[in-house]
Amino acid sequence: MSKNTQKSVDSISDIRFNAGMNAREIKKIIQYEALGRLKLKLQAEGLASNVFTIGEMLDKDKATYAQLRRFQKVLDEMLESALANYPFEDVEFDFGG
């Protein structure tokens, strides 16, 4: 199954022309938004639910407290990195800091 590279190039060009940004910038926006929403969801669920939610992500029945803390630390680091790469400068976000 071969990928039609012309369609891919056309769609990227279309995104750049119509949205005013390239696909790489859009990916950075999606990454930051997705990570932020995950963080908000985990904060809203509370610790008891996070034991199971994060446990499922880690392919376990339940996450330990140490795994929860590690997961939260890595998520925060990924959010900081994604924000540093966010393509716009004058935008403020609050995903519970």
PDB file of N, CA and C in Angstrom:
ATOM      1  N   MET A   1       0.843  -1.162   0.000  1.00  0.00           N
ATOM      2  CA  MET A   1       0.000   0.000   0.000  1.00  0.00           C
ATOM      3  C   MET A   1       0.899   1.240   0.000  1.00  0.00           C
ATOM      4  N   SER A   2       0.872   1.990  -1.077  1.00  0.00           N
ATOM      5  CA  SER A   2       1.730   3.170  -1.143  1.00  0.00           C
ATOM      6  C   SER A   2       0.926   4.424  -0.823  1.00  0.00           C
ATOM      7  N   LYS A   3       1.610   5.343  -0.209  1.00  0.00           N
ATOM      8  CA  LYS A   3       0.976   6.599   0.162  1.00  0.00           C
ATOM      9  C   LYS A   3       1.122   7.568  -1.001  1.00  0.00           C
ATOM     10  N   ASN A   4       0.059   8.242  -1.333  1.00  0.00           N
ATOM     11  CA  ASN A   4       0.113   9.227  -2.396  1.00  0.00           C
ATOM     12  C   ASN A   4       0.734  10.499  -1.835  1.00  0.00           C
ATOM     13  N   THR A   5       2.019  10.710  -2.155  1.00  0.00           N
ATOM     14  CA  THR A   5       2.726  11.857  -1.589  1.00  0.00           C
ATOM     15  C   THR A   5       2.175  13.174  -2.096  1.00  0.00           C
ATOM     16  N   GLN A   6       1.644  13.186  -3.288  1.00  0.00           N
ATOM     17  CA  GLN A   6       1.092  14.438  -3.815  1.00  0.00           C
ATOM     18  C   GLN A   6      -0.110  14.889  -2.996  1.00  0.00           C
ATOM     19  N   LYS A   7      -0.973  13.938  -2.607  1.00  0.00           N
ATOM     20  CA  LYS A   7      -2.122  14.296  -1.768  1.00  0.00           C
ATOM     21  C   LYS A   7      -1.650  14.846  -0.429  1.00  0.00           C
ATOM     22  N   SER A   8      -0.613  14.221   0.136  1.00  0.00           N
ATOM     23  CA  SER A   8      -0.073  14.677   1.408  1.00  0.00           C
ATOM     24  C   SER A   8       0.467  16.096   1.283  1.00  0.00           C
ATOM     25  N   VAL A   9       1.221  16.351   0.239  1.00  0.00           N
ATOM     26  CA  VAL A   9       1.776  17.686   0.015  1.00  0.00           C
ATOM     27  C   VAL A   9       0.653  18.682  -0.217  1.00  0.00           C
ATOM     28  N   ASP A  10      -0.356  18.286  -1.001  1.00  0.00           N
ATOM     29  CA  ASP A  10      -1.486  19.176  -1.254  1.00  0.00           C
ATOM     30  C   ASP A  10      -2.231  19.511   0.025  1.00  0.00           C
ATOM     31  N   SER A  11      -2.433  18.514   0.892  1.00  0.00           N
ATOM     32  CA  SER A  11      -3.178  18.779   2.128  1.00  0.00           C
ATOM     33  C   SER A  11      -2.377  19.676   3.053  1.00  0.00           C
ATOM     34  N   ILE A  12      -1.066  19.486   3.127  1.00  0.00           N
ATOM     35  CA  ILE A  12      -0.225  20.358   3.955  1.00  0.00           C
ATOM     36  C   ILE A  12      -0.229  21.769   3.394  1.00  0.00           C
ATOM     37  N   SER A  13      -0.137  21.889   2.082  1.00  0.00           N
ATOM     38  CA  SER A  13      -0.190  23.214   1.457  1.00  0.00           C
ATOM     39  C   SER A  13      -1.535  23.870   1.715  1.00  0.00           C
ATOM     40  N   ASP A  14      -2.600  23.077   1.658  1.00  0.00           N
ATOM     41  CA  ASP A  14      -3.945  23.599   1.912  1.00  0.00           C
ATOM     42  C   ASP A  14      -4.059  24.091   3.353  1.00  0.00           C
ATOM     43  N   ILE A  15      -3.520  23.332   4.306  1.00  0.00           N
ATOM     44  CA  ILE A  15      -3.534  23.752   5.709  1.00  0.00           C
ATOM     45  C   ILE A  15      -2.768  25.064   5.855  1.00  0.00           C
ATOM     46  N   ARG A  16      -1.603  25.139   5.250  1.00  0.00           N
ATOM     47  CA  ARG A  16      -0.783  26.334   5.362  1.00  0.00           C
ATOM     48  C   ARG A  16      -1.499  27.533   4.745  1.00  0.00           C
ATOM     49  N   PHE A  17      -2.145  27.331   3.599  1.00  0.00           N
ATOM     50  CA  PHE A  17      -2.806  28.431   2.912  1.00  0.00           C
ATOM     51  C   PHE A  17      -4.070  28.866   3.648  1.00  0.00           C
ATOM     52  N   ASN A  18      -4.900  27.918   4.045  1.00  0.00           N
ATOM     53  CA  ASN A  18      -6.192  28.244   4.648  1.00  0.00           C
ATOM     54  C   ASN A  18      -6.105  28.571   6.130  1.00  0.00           C
ATOM     55  N   ALA A  19      -5.224  27.924   6.847  1.00  0.00           N
ATOM     56  CA  ALA A  19      -5.150  28.141   8.287  1.00  0.00           C
ATOM     57  C   ALA A  19      -4.068  29.143   8.661  1.00  0.00           C
ATOM     58  N   GLY A  20      -3.221  29.509   7.727  1.00  0.00           N
ATOM     59  CA  GLY A  20      -2.179  30.464   8.024  1.00  0.00           C
ATOM     60  C   GLY A  20      -1.026  29.885   8.816  1.00  0.00           C
ATOM     61  N   MET A  21      -0.944  28.579   8.911  1.00  0.00           N
ATOM     62  CA  MET A  21       0.162  27.938   9.622  1.00  0.00           C
ATOM     63  C   MET A  21       0.454  26.612   8.964  1.00  0.00           C
ATOM     64  N   ASN A  22       1.638  26.093   9.203  1.00  0.00           N
ATOM     65  CA  ASN A  22       1.988  24.820   8.590  1.00  0.00           C
ATOM     66  C   ASN A  22       1.579  23.656   9.497  1.00  0.00           C
ATOM     67  N   ALA A  23       1.693  22.465   8.965  1.00  0.00           N
ATOM     68  CA  ALA A  23       1.274  21.267   9.699  1.00  0.00           C
ATOM     69  C   ALA A  23       2.072  21.070  10.981  1.00  0.00           C
ATOM     70  N   ARG A  24       3.350  21.448  10.971  1.00  0.00           N
ATOM     71  CA  ARG A  24       4.183  21.291  12.169  1.00  0.00           C
ATOM     72  C   ARG A  24       3.635  22.155  13.314  1.00  0.00           C
ATOM     73  N   GLU A  25       3.238  23.382  13.008  1.00  0.00           N
ATOM     74  CA  GLU A  25       2.661  24.257  14.037  1.00  0.00           C
ATOM     75  C   GLU A  25       1.345  23.698  14.562  1.00  0.00           C
ATOM     76  N   ILE A  26       0.547  23.148  13.674  1.00  0.00           N
ATOM     77  CA  ILE A  26      -0.725  22.555  14.088  1.00  0.00           C
ATOM     78  C   ILE A  26      -0.481  21.360  15.003  1.00  0.00           C
ATOM     79  N   LYS A  27       0.515  20.540  14.699  1.00  0.00           N
ATOM     80  CA  LYS A  27       0.849  19.399  15.556  1.00  0.00           C
ATOM     81  C   LYS A  27       1.236  19.855  16.959  1.00  0.00           C
ATOM     82  N   LYS A  28       1.997  20.956  17.044  1.00  0.00           N
ATOM     83  CA  LYS A  28       2.402  21.482  18.351  1.00  0.00           C
ATOM     84  C   LYS A  28       1.197  21.956  19.149  1.00  0.00           C
ATOM     85  N   ILE A  29       0.247  22.576  18.462  1.00  0.00           N
ATOM     86  CA  ILE A  29      -0.977  23.024  19.128  1.00  0.00           C
ATOM     87  C   ILE A  29      -1.771  21.831  19.633  1.00  0.00           C
ATOM     88  N   ILE A  30      -1.932  20.831  18.799  1.00  0.00           N
ATOM     89  CA  ILE A  30      -2.684  19.624  19.178  1.00  0.00           C
ATOM     90  C   ILE A  30      -2.023  18.940  20.366  1.00  0.00           C
ATOM     91  N   GLN A  31      -0.701  18.814  20.338  1.00  0.00           N
ATOM     92  CA  GLN A  31       0.006  18.156  21.433  1.00  0.00           C
ATOM     93  C   GLN A  31      -0.218  18.891  22.743  1.00  0.00           C
ATOM     94  N   TYR A  32      -0.068  20.209  22.734  1.00  0.00           N
ATOM     95  CA  TYR A  32      -0.227  20.969  23.961  1.00  0.00           C
ATOM     96  C   TYR A  32      -1.669  20.892  24.472  1.00  0.00           C
ATOM     97  N   GLU A  33      -2.621  21.048  23.577  1.00  0.00           N
ATOM     98  CA  GLU A  33      -4.033  20.998  23.977  1.00  0.00           C
ATOM     99  C   GLU A  33      -4.398  19.627  24.541  1.00  0.00           C
ATOM    100  N   ALA A  34      -3.936  18.562  23.899  1.00  0.00           N
ATOM    101  CA  ALA A  34      -4.257  17.208  24.358  1.00  0.00           C
ATOM    102  C   ALA A  34      -3.652  16.926  25.728  1.00  0.00           C
ATOM    103  N   LEU A  35      -2.395  17.318  25.914  1.00  0.00           N
ATOM    104  CA  LEU A  35      -1.747  17.112  27.206  1.00  0.00           C
ATOM    105  C   LEU A  35      -2.447  17.927  28.295  1.00  0.00           C
ATOM    106  N   GLY A  36      -2.816  19.153  27.978  1.00  0.00           N
ATOM    107  CA  GLY A  36      -3.506  20.002  28.947  1.00  0.00           C
ATOM    108  C   GLY A  36      -4.856  19.438  29.340  1.00  0.00           C
ATOM    109  N   ARG A  37      -5.586  18.934  28.364  1.00  0.00           N
ATOM    110  CA  ARG A  37      -6.899  18.340  28.664  1.00  0.00           C
ATOM    111  C   ARG A  37      -6.760  17.069  29.494  1.00  0.00           C
ATOM    112  N   LEU A  38      -5.715  16.287  29.225  1.00  0.00           N
ATOM    113  CA  LEU A  38      -5.467  15.092  30.037  1.00  0.00           C
ATOM    114  C   LEU A  38      -5.196  15.499  31.477  1.00  0.00           C
ATOM    115  N   LYS A  39      -4.377  16.531  31.663  1.00  0.00           N
ATOM    116  CA  LYS A  39      -4.072  16.988  33.018  1.00  0.00           C
ATOM    117  C   LYS A  39      -5.335  17.469  33.725  1.00  0.00           C
ATOM    118  N   LEU A  40      -6.163  18.251  33.042  1.00  0.00           N
ATOM    119  CA  LEU A  40      -7.416  18.734  33.636  1.00  0.00           C
ATOM    120  C   LEU A  40      -8.347  17.575  33.997  1.00  0.00           C
ATOM    121  N   LYS A  41      -8.417  16.580  33.110  1.00  0.00           N
ATOM    122  CA  LYS A  41      -9.276  15.411  33.358  1.00  0.00           C
ATOM    123  C   LYS A  41      -8.802  14.664  34.602  1.00  0.00           C
ATOM    124  N   LEU A  42      -7.508  14.467  34.723  1.00  0.00           N
ATOM    125  CA  LEU A  42      -6.966  13.755  35.878  1.00  0.00           C
ATOM    126  C   LEU A  42      -7.189  14.544  37.166  1.00  0.00           C
ATOM    127  N   GLN A  43      -7.059  15.870  37.099  1.00  0.00           N
ATOM    128  CA  GLN A  43      -7.300  16.696  38.281  1.00  0.00           C
ATOM    129  C   GLN A  43      -8.772  16.634  38.697  1.00  0.00           C
ATOM    130  N   ALA A  44      -9.659  16.628  37.738  1.00  0.00           N
ATOM    131  CA  ALA A  44     -11.095  16.604  38.033  1.00  0.00           C
ATOM    132  C   ALA A  44     -11.534  15.260  38.620  1.00  0.00           C
ATOM    133  N   GLU A  45     -10.893  14.179  38.177  1.00  0.00           N
ATOM    134  CA  GLU A  45     -11.282  12.848  38.637  1.00  0.00           C
ATOM    135  C   GLU A  45     -10.885  12.587  40.080  1.00  0.00           C
ATOM    136  N   GLY A  46      -9.791  13.152  40.516  1.00  0.00           N
ATOM    137  CA  GLY A  46      -9.333  12.901  41.874  1.00  0.00           C
ATOM    138  C   GLY A  46      -8.431  11.683  41.957  1.00  0.00           C
ATOM    139  N   LEU A  47      -7.775  11.567  43.093  1.00  0.00           N
ATOM    140  CA  LEU A  47      -6.754  10.538  43.286  1.00  0.00           C
ATOM    141  C   LEU A  47      -7.305   9.120  43.152  1.00  0.00           C
ATOM    142  N   ALA A  48      -8.453   8.848  43.749  1.00  0.00           N
ATOM    143  CA  ALA A  48      -8.989   7.474  43.732  1.00  0.00           C
ATOM    144  C   ALA A  48      -9.228   6.994  42.304  1.00  0.00           C
ATOM    145  N   SER A  49      -9.771   7.856  41.483  1.00  0.00           N
ATOM    146  CA  SER A  49     -10.032   7.476  40.098  1.00  0.00           C
ATOM    147  C   SER A  49      -8.734   7.408  39.290  1.00  0.00           C
ATOM    148  N   ASN A  50      -7.784   8.283  39.614  1.00  0.00           N
ATOM    149  CA  ASN A  50      -6.508   8.286  38.893  1.00  0.00           C
ATOM    150  C   ASN A  50      -5.751   6.980  39.066  1.00  0.00           C
ATOM    151  N   VAL A  51      -5.925   6.336  40.200  1.00  0.00           N
ATOM    152  CA  VAL A  51      -5.264   5.049  40.443  1.00  0.00           C
ATOM    153  C   VAL A  51      -5.636   4.069  39.335  1.00  0.00           C
ATOM    154  N   PHE A  52      -6.898   4.094  38.920  1.00  0.00           N
ATOM    155  CA  PHE A  52      -7.349   3.180  37.875  1.00  0.00           C
ATOM    156  C   PHE A  52      -7.071   3.727  36.476  1.00  0.00           C
ATOM    157  N   THR A  53      -7.303   5.030  36.262  1.00  0.00           N
ATOM    158  CA  THR A  53      -7.086   5.635  34.943  1.00  0.00           C
ATOM    159  C   THR A  53      -5.627   5.523  34.532  1.00  0.00           C
ATOM    160  N   ILE A  54      -4.726   5.955  35.399  1.00  0.00           N
ATOM    161  CA  ILE A  54      -3.304   5.893  35.084  1.00  0.00           C
ATOM    162  C   ILE A  54      -2.828   4.443  35.072  1.00  0.00           C
ATOM    163  N   GLY A  55      -3.390   3.627  35.934  1.00  0.00           N
ATOM    164  CA  GLY A  55      -3.061   2.207  35.918  1.00  0.00           C
ATOM    165  C   GLY A  55      -3.351   1.587  34.565  1.00  0.00           C
ATOM    166  N   GLU A  56      -4.515   1.921  33.984  1.00  0.00           N
ATOM    167  CA  GLU A  56      -4.853   1.400  32.662  1.00  0.00           C
ATOM    168  C   GLU A  56      -3.858   1.874  31.605  1.00  0.00           C
ATOM    169  N   MET A  57      -3.464   3.148  31.689  1.00  0.00           N
ATOM    170  CA  MET A  57      -2.489   3.676  30.731  1.00  0.00           C
ATOM    171  C   MET A  57      -1.151   2.963  30.845  1.00  0.00           C
ATOM    172  N   LEU A  58      -0.806   2.556  32.059  1.00  0.00           N
ATOM    173  CA  LEU A  58       0.458   1.863  32.298  1.00  0.00           C
ATOM    174  C   LEU A  58       0.322   0.353  32.155  1.00  0.00           C
ATOM    175  N   ASP A  59      -0.857  -0.093  31.692  1.00  0.00           N
ATOM    176  CA  ASP A  59      -1.141  -1.508  31.480  1.00  0.00           C
ATOM    177  C   ASP A  59      -1.084  -2.303  32.781  1.00  0.00           C
ATOM    178  N   LYS A  60      -1.673  -1.720  33.814  1.00  0.00           N
ATOM    179  CA  LYS A  60      -1.755  -2.375  35.121  1.00  0.00           C
ATOM    180  C   LYS A  60      -3.198  -2.246  35.615  1.00  0.00           C
ATOM    181  N   ASP A  61      -3.549  -3.047  36.612  1.00  0.00           N
ATOM    182  CA  ASP A  61      -4.882  -2.920  37.197  1.00  0.00           C
ATOM    183  C   ASP A  61      -5.017  -1.609  37.954  1.00  0.00           C
ATOM    184  N   LYS A  62      -4.029  -1.324  38.785  1.00  0.00           N
ATOM    185  CA  LYS A  62      -4.021  -0.095  39.570  1.00  0.00           C
ATOM    186  C   LYS A  62      -2.606   0.458  39.595  1.00  0.00           C
ATOM    187  N   ALA A  63      -2.499   1.791  39.575  1.00  0.00           N
ATOM    188  CA  ALA A  63      -1.192   2.426  39.695  1.00  0.00           C
ATOM    189  C   ALA A  63      -0.867   2.618  41.164  1.00  0.00           C
ATOM    190  N   THR A  64       0.388   2.494  41.501  1.00  0.00           N
ATOM    191  CA  THR A  64       0.823   2.775  42.873  1.00  0.00           C
ATOM    192  C   THR A  64       0.947   4.291  43.040  1.00  0.00           C
ATOM    193  N   TYR A  65       1.085   4.723  44.284  1.00  0.00           N
ATOM    194  CA  TYR A  65       1.245   6.153  44.537  1.00  0.00           C
ATOM    195  C   TYR A  65       2.514   6.674  43.850  1.00  0.00           C
ATOM    196  N   ALA A  66       3.582   5.895  43.886  1.00  0.00           N
ATOM    197  CA  ALA A  66       4.835   6.296  43.234  1.00  0.00           C
ATOM    198  C   ALA A  66       4.642   6.439  41.722  1.00  0.00           C
ATOM    199  N   GLN A  67       3.889   5.536  41.126  1.00  0.00           N
ATOM    200  CA  GLN A  67       3.619   5.626  39.690  1.00  0.00           C
ATOM    201  C   GLN A  67       2.771   6.852  39.366  1.00  0.00           C
ATOM    202  N   LEU A  68       1.803   7.163  40.240  1.00  0.00           N
ATOM    203  CA  LEU A  68       0.986   8.368  40.046  1.00  0.00           C
ATOM    204  C   LEU A  68       1.850   9.612  40.057  1.00  0.00           C
ATOM    205  N   ARG A  69       2.721   9.725  41.052  1.00  0.00           N
ATOM    206  CA  ARG A  69       3.591  10.897  41.168  1.00  0.00           C
ATOM    207  C   ARG A  69       4.524  11.002  39.955  1.00  0.00           C
ATOM    208  N   ARG A  70       5.098   9.872  39.544  1.00  0.00           N
ATOM    209  CA  ARG A  70       5.990   9.860  38.388  1.00  0.00           C
ATOM    210  C   ARG A  70       5.234  10.268  37.123  1.00  0.00           C
ATOM    211  N   PHE A  71       4.021   9.727  36.966  1.00  0.00           N
ATOM    212  CA  PHE A  71       3.188  10.048  35.807  1.00  0.00           C
ATOM    213  C   PHE A  71       2.882  11.544  35.781  1.00  0.00           C
ATOM    214  N   GLN A  72       2.503  12.100  36.928  1.00  0.00           N
ATOM    215  CA  GLN A  72       2.193  13.525  37.000  1.00  0.00           C
ATOM    216  C   GLN A  72       3.425  14.372  36.695  1.00  0.00           C
ATOM    217  N   LYS A  73       4.584  13.953  37.185  1.00  0.00           N
ATOM    218  CA  LYS A  73       5.825  14.691  36.936  1.00  0.00           C
ATOM    219  C   LYS A  73       6.156  14.689  35.446  1.00  0.00           C
ATOM    220  N   VAL A  74       6.062  13.536  34.816  1.00  0.00           N
ATOM    221  CA  VAL A  74       6.361  13.428  33.386  1.00  0.00           C
ATOM    222  C   VAL A  74       5.344  14.234  32.575  1.00  0.00           C
ATOM    223  N   LEU A  75       4.070  14.173  32.953  1.00  0.00           N
ATOM    224  CA  LEU A  75       3.032  14.935  32.260  1.00  0.00           C
ATOM    225  C   LEU A  75       3.319  16.435  32.364  1.00  0.00           C
ATOM    226  N   ASP A  76       3.702  16.904  33.543  1.00  0.00           N
ATOM    227  CA  ASP A  76       4.039  18.320  33.723  1.00  0.00           C
ATOM    228  C   ASP A  76       5.241  18.720  32.866  1.00  0.00           C
ATOM    229  N   GLU A  77       6.256  17.858  32.811  1.00  0.00           N
ATOM    230  CA  GLU A  77       7.434  18.141  31.991  1.00  0.00           C
ATOM    231  C   GLU A  77       7.060  18.203  30.512  1.00  0.00           C
ATOM    232  N   MET A  78       6.185  17.289  30.073  1.00  0.00           N
ATOM    233  CA  MET A  78       5.752  17.291  28.683  1.00  0.00           C
ATOM    234  C   MET A  78       4.942  18.548  28.362  1.00  0.00           C
ATOM    235  N   LEU A  79       4.112  18.976  29.307  1.00  0.00           N
ATOM    236  CA  LEU A  79       3.329  20.200  29.115  1.00  0.00           C
ATOM    237  C   LEU A  79       4.241  21.420  29.006  1.00  0.00           C
ATOM    238  N   GLU A  80       5.239  21.504  29.864  1.00  0.00           N
ATOM    239  CA  GLU A  80       6.186  22.620  29.803  1.00  0.00           C
ATOM    240  C   GLU A  80       6.913  22.640  28.466  1.00  0.00           C
ATOM    241  N   SER A  81       7.350  21.481  28.024  1.00  0.00           N
ATOM    242  CA  SER A  81       8.045  21.378  26.747  1.00  0.00           C
ATOM    243  C   SER A  81       7.119  21.770  25.594  1.00  0.00           C
ATOM    244  N   ALA A  82       5.880  21.294  25.643  1.00  0.00           N
ATOM    245  CA  ALA A  82       4.919  21.625  24.587  1.00  0.00           C
ATOM    246  C   ALA A  82       4.613  23.118  24.575  1.00  0.00           C
ATOM    247  N   LEU A  83       4.524  23.729  25.753  1.00  0.00           N
ATOM    248  CA  LEU A  83       4.276  25.167  25.816  1.00  0.00           C
ATOM    249  C   LEU A  83       5.459  25.948  25.247  1.00  0.00           C
ATOM    250  N   ALA A  84       6.667  25.485  25.528  1.00  0.00           N
ATOM    251  CA  ALA A  84       7.855  26.158  24.998  1.00  0.00           C
ATOM    252  C   ALA A  84       7.876  26.107  23.472  1.00  0.00           C
ATOM    253  N   ASN A  85       7.282  25.065  22.901  1.00  0.00           N
ATOM    254  CA  ASN A  85       7.255  24.906  21.445  1.00  0.00           C
ATOM    255  C   ASN A  85       5.969  25.429  20.814  1.00  0.00           C
ATOM    256  N   TYR A  86       5.054  25.964  21.647  1.00  0.00           N
ATOM    257  CA  TYR A  86       3.774  26.457  21.130  1.00  0.00           C
ATOM    258  C   TYR A  86       4.043  27.576  20.135  1.00  0.00           C
ATOM    259  N   PRO A  87       3.417  27.545  18.965  1.00  0.00           N
ATOM    260  CA  PRO A  87       3.785  28.479  17.904  1.00  0.00           C
ATOM    261  C   PRO A  87       3.348  29.935  18.110  1.00  0.00           C
ATOM    262  N   PHE A  88       2.564  30.241  19.113  1.00  0.00           N
ATOM    263  CA  PHE A  88       2.117  31.606  19.341  1.00  0.00           C
ATOM    264  C   PHE A  88       2.676  32.102  20.660  1.00  0.00           C
ATOM    265  N   GLU A  89       3.041  33.364  20.714  1.00  0.00           N
ATOM    266  CA  GLU A  89       3.654  33.901  21.923  1.00  0.00           C
ATOM    267  C   GLU A  89       2.667  34.555  22.869  1.00  0.00           C
ATOM    268  N   ASP A  90       1.651  35.201  22.356  1.00  0.00           N
ATOM    269  CA  ASP A  90       0.741  36.003  23.180  1.00  0.00           C
ATOM    270  C   ASP A  90      -0.510  35.238  23.617  1.00  0.00           C
ATOM    271  N   VAL A  91      -0.340  33.978  23.998  1.00  0.00           N
ATOM    272  CA  VAL A  91      -1.471  33.165  24.415  1.00  0.00           C
ATOM    273  C   VAL A  91      -1.220  32.700  25.838  1.00  0.00           C
ATOM    274  N   GLU A  92      -2.241  32.816  26.687  1.00  0.00           N
ATOM    275  CA  GLU A  92      -2.105  32.367  28.066  1.00  0.00           C
ATOM    276  C   GLU A  92      -2.966  31.126  28.276  1.00  0.00           C
ATOM    277  N   PHE A  93      -2.403  30.134  28.987  1.00  0.00           N
ATOM    278  CA  PHE A  93      -3.102  28.898  29.266  1.00  0.00           C
ATOM    279  C   PHE A  93      -3.025  28.614  30.759  1.00  0.00           C
ATOM    280  N   ASP A  94      -4.004  27.908  31.247  1.00  0.00           N
ATOM    281  CA  ASP A  94      -3.960  27.479  32.643  1.00  0.00           C
ATOM    282  C   ASP A  94      -4.513  26.061  32.719  1.00  0.00           C
ATOM    283  N   PHE A  95      -3.615  25.112  32.796  1.00  0.00           N
ATOM    284  CA  PHE A  95      -4.006  23.721  32.951  1.00  0.00           C
ATOM    285  C   PHE A  95      -3.689  23.253  34.371  1.00  0.00           C
ATOM    286  N   GLY A  96      -3.842  24.137  35.335  1.00  0.00           N
ATOM    287  CA  GLY A  96      -3.669  23.753  36.731  1.00  0.00           C
ATOM    288  C   GLY A  96      -2.223  23.624  37.166  1.00  0.00           C
ATOM    289  N   GLY A  97      -1.350  24.344  36.583  1.00  0.00           N
ATOM    290  CA  GLY A  97      -0.021  24.505  36.831  1.00  0.00           C
ATOM    291  C   GLY A  97       1.023  23.831  37.389  1.00  0.00           C
TER     292      GLY A  97
END
